[in-house]
Amino acid sequence: MRHHLSVLMALAAIAMPAKADPVSVNLPGFQCTGLKEGVRLPRKLSQLRKLGKLNEEQTIHVEEWDGYKAIEKQLRFNGLYVQVITFTNDPERYNLSAVYIETPGWSVSPIRVGSPVQELLTRLGGVKPEPNATWRFSGESDSLYVEARDGKVFRVVYECYTG
């Protein structure tokens, strides 16, 4: 189910101008959820769909299992995309695959679009504190991408391992 990365990167490529590879920073123990820098989303799929005005729900991939299906979906809100794996045998359950934040109105992450990038980089051990750059903070299986423009957080992407 790592198909989400190609979809996410294609989406990012459309939105981002061509630039150098992200600056890589090892962030031991980083996980998409449950930690200080992690994303905070509702526990149930029905609640997730109510985060804001849901513009589109797109099915990306379907896998048949023994008696149920695992369905990879992307939920699109204004300035927020959430990619999840859902299960037909448990309609409220989801596994988080990725989160893409591009507008300041979202409070699903402690890293806010529009905030100064310098303090965040200092806290996370980011190098090359340039006003226009992208960093990839990597845990064992999850990653966090932060893009800055003019010294402010411009875009935040969480990439989460789903198994």
C-alpha atoms as a PDB file:
ATOM      1  CA  MET A   1       0.000   0.000   0.000  1.00  0.00           C
ATOM      2  CA  ARG A   2       2.922   2.328  -0.490  1.00  0.00           C
ATOM      3  CA  HIS A   3       1.196   3.484  -3.677  1.00  0.00           C
ATOM      4  CA  HIS A   4       0.225   6.605  -1.711  1.00  0.00           C
ATOM      5  CA  LEU A   5       3.754   7.984  -1.967  1.00  0.00           C
ATOM      6  CA  SER A   6       3.625   8.182  -5.754  1.00  0.00           C
ATOM      7  CA  VAL A   7       0.221   9.878  -5.639  1.00  0.00           C
ATOM      8  CA  LEU A   8       1.383  12.271  -2.931  1.00  0.00           C
ATOM      9  CA  MET A   9       4.600  13.115  -4.772  1.00  0.00           C
ATOM     10  CA  ALA A  10       2.697  13.670  -8.016  1.00  0.00           C
ATOM     11  CA  LEU A  11       0.369  16.022  -6.187  1.00  0.00           C
ATOM     12  CA  ALA A  12       3.328  17.813  -4.632  1.00  0.00           C
ATOM     13  CA  ALA A  13       5.078  18.078  -7.996  1.00  0.00           C
ATOM     14  CA  ILE A  14       2.080  19.872  -9.445  1.00  0.00           C
ATOM     15  CA  ALA A  15       1.974  22.332  -6.576  1.00  0.00           C
ATOM     16  CA  MET A  16       5.714  22.868  -6.065  1.00  0.00           C
ATOM     17  CA  PRO A  17       8.099  24.611  -8.415  1.00  0.00           C
ATOM     18  CA  ALA A  18      11.163  22.633  -9.468  1.00  0.00           C
ATOM     19  CA  LYS A  19      13.890  22.878  -6.834  1.00  0.00           C
ATOM     20  CA  ALA A  20      16.707  20.937  -5.249  1.00  0.00           C
ATOM     21  CA  ASP A  21      16.129  17.800  -3.224  1.00  0.00           C
ATOM     22  CA  PRO A  22      15.014  18.311   0.369  1.00  0.00           C
ATOM     23  CA  VAL A  23      17.631  18.682   3.090  1.00  0.00           C
ATOM     24  CA  SER A  24      17.548  15.357   4.968  1.00  0.00           C
ATOM     25  CA  VAL A  25      17.513  15.320   8.753  1.00  0.00           C
ATOM     26  CA  ASN A  26      17.422  12.150  10.847  1.00  0.00           C
ATOM     27  CA  LEU A  27      14.756  12.502  13.548  1.00  0.00           C
ATOM     28  CA  PRO A  28      14.911   9.291  15.625  1.00  0.00           C
ATOM     29  CA  GLY A  29      11.570   8.230  17.022  1.00  0.00           C
ATOM     30  CA  PHE A  30       9.506  10.527  14.790  1.00  0.00           C
ATOM     31  CA  GLN A  31       6.024   9.166  14.100  1.00  0.00           C
ATOM     32  CA  CYS A  32       3.118  10.771  12.251  1.00  0.00           C
ATOM     33  CA  THR A  33       0.857  10.524  15.289  1.00  0.00           C
ATOM     34  CA  GLY A  34       1.189  10.432  19.043  1.00  0.00           C
ATOM     35  CA  LEU A  35       4.210  12.708  19.434  1.00  0.00           C
ATOM     36  CA  LYS A  36       4.703  16.440  19.924  1.00  0.00           C
ATOM     37  CA  GLU A  37       5.262  17.165  16.215  1.00  0.00           C
ATOM     38  CA  GLY A  38       2.717  14.589  15.045  1.00  0.00           C
ATOM     39  CA  VAL A  39      -0.550  15.204  13.291  1.00  0.00           C
ATOM     40  CA  ARG A  40      -3.729  15.213  15.386  1.00  0.00           C
ATOM     41  CA  LEU A  41      -6.792  13.780  13.672  1.00  0.00           C
ATOM     42  CA  PRO A  42     -10.099  12.326  14.883  1.00  0.00           C
ATOM     43  CA  ARG A  43     -10.049   8.624  15.693  1.00  0.00           C
ATOM     44  CA  LYS A  44     -13.113   7.732  13.592  1.00  0.00           C
ATOM     45  CA  LEU A  45     -13.454   8.009   9.815  1.00  0.00           C
ATOM     46  CA  SER A  46     -16.863   9.710  10.059  1.00  0.00           C
ATOM     47  CA  GLN A  47     -15.315  12.403  12.280  1.00  0.00           C
ATOM     48  CA  LEU A  48     -12.353  12.784   9.926  1.00  0.00           C
ATOM     49  CA  ARG A  49     -14.729  13.489   7.050  1.00  0.00           C
ATOM     50  CA  LYS A  50     -16.213  16.355   9.126  1.00  0.00           C
ATOM     51  CA  LEU A  51     -12.921  18.249   9.651  1.00  0.00           C
ATOM     52  CA  GLY A  52     -14.154  20.849   7.195  1.00  0.00           C
ATOM     53  CA  LYS A  53     -15.917  21.078   3.871  1.00  0.00           C
ATOM     54  CA  LEU A  54     -15.023  17.811   2.112  1.00  0.00           C
ATOM     55  CA  ASN A  55     -14.466  18.754  -1.532  1.00  0.00           C
ATOM     56  CA  GLU A  56     -13.691  15.270  -2.828  1.00  0.00           C
ATOM     57  CA  GLU A  57     -13.120  11.704  -1.682  1.00  0.00           C
ATOM     58  CA  GLN A  58     -11.098   9.745  -4.198  1.00  0.00           C
ATOM     59  CA  THR A  59     -10.396   6.000  -4.173  1.00  0.00           C
ATOM     60  CA  ILE A  60      -6.761   5.360  -5.040  1.00  0.00           C
ATOM     61  CA  HIS A  61      -6.329   1.630  -4.568  1.00  0.00           C
ATOM     62  CA  VAL A  62      -8.406  -1.380  -3.464  1.00  0.00           C
ATOM     63  CA  GLU A  63      -7.044  -4.650  -2.074  1.00  0.00           C
ATOM     64  CA  GLU A  64      -9.220  -7.726  -1.597  1.00  0.00           C
ATOM     65  CA  TRP A  65      -8.604  -9.623   1.621  1.00  0.00           C
ATOM     66  CA  ASP A  66     -10.325 -12.645   3.149  1.00  0.00           C
ATOM     67  CA  GLY A  67     -13.892 -11.381   3.436  1.00  0.00           C
ATOM     68  CA  TYR A  68     -13.226  -7.621   3.287  1.00  0.00           C
ATOM     69  CA  LYS A  69     -11.503  -4.885   1.317  1.00  0.00           C
ATOM     70  CA  ALA A  70      -8.781  -2.426   2.267  1.00  0.00           C
ATOM     71  CA  ILE A  71      -9.420   0.794   0.357  1.00  0.00           C
ATOM     72  CA  GLU A  72      -6.872   3.582   0.042  1.00  0.00           C
ATOM     73  CA  LYS A  73      -8.605   6.958  -0.208  1.00  0.00           C
ATOM     74  CA  GLN A  74      -7.682  10.605  -0.382  1.00  0.00           C
ATOM     75  CA  LEU A  75      -9.974  13.097   1.344  1.00  0.00           C
ATOM     76  CA  ARG A  76      -9.608  16.593  -0.089  1.00  0.00           C
ATOM     77  CA  PHE A  77     -10.535  19.685   1.858  1.00  0.00           C
ATOM     78  CA  ASN A  78      -9.577  23.285   1.029  1.00  0.00           C
ATOM     79  CA  GLY A  79      -5.816  23.315   1.643  1.00  0.00           C
ATOM     80  CA  LEU A  80      -5.701  19.893   3.333  1.00  0.00           C
ATOM     81  CA  TYR A  81      -5.420  16.416   1.843  1.00  0.00           C
ATOM     82  CA  VAL A  82      -5.622  13.338   4.055  1.00  0.00           C
ATOM     83  CA  GLN A  83      -4.761   9.918   2.659  1.00  0.00           C
ATOM     84  CA  VAL A  84      -6.053   6.888   4.575  1.00  0.00           C
ATOM     85  CA  ILE A  85      -6.545   3.145   4.331  1.00  0.00           C
ATOM     86  CA  THR A  86     -10.148   2.183   5.188  1.00  0.00           C
ATOM     87  CA  PHE A  87     -11.637  -1.253   5.826  1.00  0.00           C
ATOM     88  CA  THR A  88     -15.025  -2.568   4.720  1.00  0.00           C
ATOM     89  CA  ASN A  89     -15.254  -4.833   7.791  1.00  0.00           C
ATOM     90  CA  ASP A  90     -14.819  -1.868  10.188  1.00  0.00           C
ATOM     91  CA  PRO A  91     -16.222   1.304   8.532  1.00  0.00           C
ATOM     92  CA  GLU A  92     -15.040   3.723  11.267  1.00  0.00           C
ATOM     93  CA  ARG A  93     -11.432   2.476  11.315  1.00  0.00           C
ATOM     94  CA  TYR A  94      -8.676   3.988   9.215  1.00  0.00           C
ATOM     95  CA  ASN A  95      -4.891   3.883   9.021  1.00  0.00           C
ATOM     96  CA  LEU A  96      -3.243   7.193   8.247  1.00  0.00           C
ATOM     97  CA  SER A  97      -1.113   7.144   5.115  1.00  0.00           C
ATOM     98  CA  ALA A  98      -0.308  10.836   4.512  1.00  0.00           C
ATOM     99  CA  VAL A  99      -1.355  14.372   5.364  1.00  0.00           C
ATOM    100  CA  TYR A 100      -0.673  17.348   3.098  1.00  0.00           C
ATOM    101  CA  ILE A 101      -1.279  20.840   4.582  1.00  0.00           C
ATOM    102  CA  GLU A 102      -0.984  23.931   2.405  1.00  0.00           C
ATOM    103  CA  THR A 103      -3.111  26.651   4.021  1.00  0.00           C
ATOM    104  CA  PRO A 104      -2.821  28.309   7.442  1.00  0.00           C
ATOM    105  CA  GLY A 105      -6.364  27.609   8.656  1.00  0.00           C
ATOM    106  CA  TRP A 106      -5.716  23.990   9.658  1.00  0.00           C
ATOM    107  CA  SER A 107      -4.881  23.067  13.245  1.00  0.00           C
ATOM    108  CA  VAL A 108      -4.372  19.326  12.661  1.00  0.00           C
ATOM    109  CA  SER A 109      -0.620  19.746  13.186  1.00  0.00           C
ATOM    110  CA  PRO A 110       1.476  21.744  15.642  1.00  0.00           C
ATOM    111  CA  ILE A 111       3.430  22.897  12.576  1.00  0.00           C
ATOM    112  CA  ARG A 112       1.337  25.682  11.123  1.00  0.00           C
ATOM    113  CA  VAL A 113       1.498  26.983   7.574  1.00  0.00           C
ATOM    114  CA  GLY A 114       2.502  30.644   7.741  1.00  0.00           C
ATOM    115  CA  SER A 115       4.532  30.371  10.944  1.00  0.00           C
ATOM    116  CA  PRO A 116       8.253  31.291  11.028  1.00  0.00           C
ATOM    117  CA  VAL A 117      10.358  28.305   9.961  1.00  0.00           C
ATOM    118  CA  GLN A 118      13.480  29.164  11.996  1.00  0.00           C
ATOM    119  CA  GLU A 119      12.100  28.154  15.409  1.00  0.00           C
ATOM    120  CA  LEU A 120      10.822  24.856  13.999  1.00  0.00           C
ATOM    121  CA  LEU A 121      14.172  24.075  12.372  1.00  0.00           C
ATOM    122  CA  THR A 122      16.019  24.843  15.588  1.00  0.00           C
ATOM    123  CA  ARG A 123      13.679  22.573  17.568  1.00  0.00           C
ATOM    124  CA  LEU A 124      13.944  19.681  15.082  1.00  0.00           C
ATOM    125  CA  GLY A 125      17.663  19.993  14.327  1.00  0.00           C
ATOM    126  CA  GLY A 126      17.225  21.262  10.779  1.00  0.00           C
ATOM    127  CA  VAL A 127      20.283  22.464   8.955  1.00  0.00           C
ATOM    128  CA  LYS A 128      20.647  25.118   6.255  1.00  0.00           C
ATOM    129  CA  PRO A 129      18.083  27.530   7.692  1.00  0.00           C
ATOM    130  CA  GLU A 130      17.444  29.161   4.342  1.00  0.00           C
ATOM    131  CA  PRO A 131      14.292  31.225   3.748  1.00  0.00           C
ATOM    132  CA  ASN A 132      13.336  29.093   0.706  1.00  0.00           C
ATOM    133  CA  ALA A 133      14.042  25.386   1.113  1.00  0.00           C
ATOM    134  CA  THR A 134      12.506  21.991   1.871  1.00  0.00           C
ATOM    135  CA  TRP A 135      13.486  19.643   4.698  1.00  0.00           C
ATOM    136  CA  ARG A 136      12.722  15.953   5.147  1.00  0.00           C
ATOM    137  CA  PHE A 137      12.740  14.833   8.776  1.00  0.00           C
ATOM    138  CA  SER A 138      12.912  11.033   8.863  1.00  0.00           C
ATOM    139  CA  GLY A 139      11.995   8.692  11.658  1.00  0.00           C
ATOM    140  CA  GLU A 140      12.331   4.928  11.406  1.00  0.00           C
ATOM    141  CA  SER A 141       9.277   4.535   9.159  1.00  0.00           C
ATOM    142  CA  ASP A 142       7.492   7.924   9.024  1.00  0.00           C
ATOM    143  CA  SER A 143       8.664  11.225   7.544  1.00  0.00           C
ATOM    144  CA  LEU A 144       7.818  14.891   7.791  1.00  0.00           C
ATOM    145  CA  TYR A 145       8.419  17.319   4.924  1.00  0.00           C
ATOM    146  CA  VAL A 146       8.473  21.046   5.583  1.00  0.00           C
ATOM    147  CA  GLU A 147       8.730  23.564   2.752  1.00  0.00           C
ATOM    148  CA  ALA A 148       9.592  27.189   3.526  1.00  0.00           C
ATOM    149  CA  ARG A 149       9.174  30.288   1.412  1.00  0.00           C
ATOM    150  CA  ASP A 150      10.324  33.719   2.542  1.00  0.00           C
ATOM    151  CA  GLY A 151      11.213  32.309   5.982  1.00  0.00           C
ATOM    152  CA  LYS A 152       7.710  30.976   6.668  1.00  0.00           C
ATOM    153  CA  VAL A 153       6.298  27.451   6.603  1.00  0.00           C
ATOM    154  CA  PHE A 154       4.649  27.144   3.197  1.00  0.00           C
ATOM    155  CA  ARG A 155       3.675  23.449   3.094  1.00  0.00           C
ATOM    156  CA  VAL A 156       3.754  20.493   5.527  1.00  0.00           C
ATOM    157  CA  VAL A 157       3.561  16.836   4.449  1.00  0.00           C
ATOM    158  CA  TYR A 158       3.406  13.824   6.773  1.00  0.00           C
ATOM    159  CA  GLU A 159       4.214  10.476   5.163  1.00  0.00           C
ATOM    160  CA  CYS A 160       3.091   7.580   7.363  1.00  0.00           C
ATOM    161  CA  TYR A 161       3.890   3.888   7.213  1.00  0.00           C
ATOM    162  CA  THR A 162       0.760   1.760   6.906  1.00  0.00           C
ATOM    163  CA  GLY A 163       2.247  -1.733   6.998  1.00  0.00           C
END
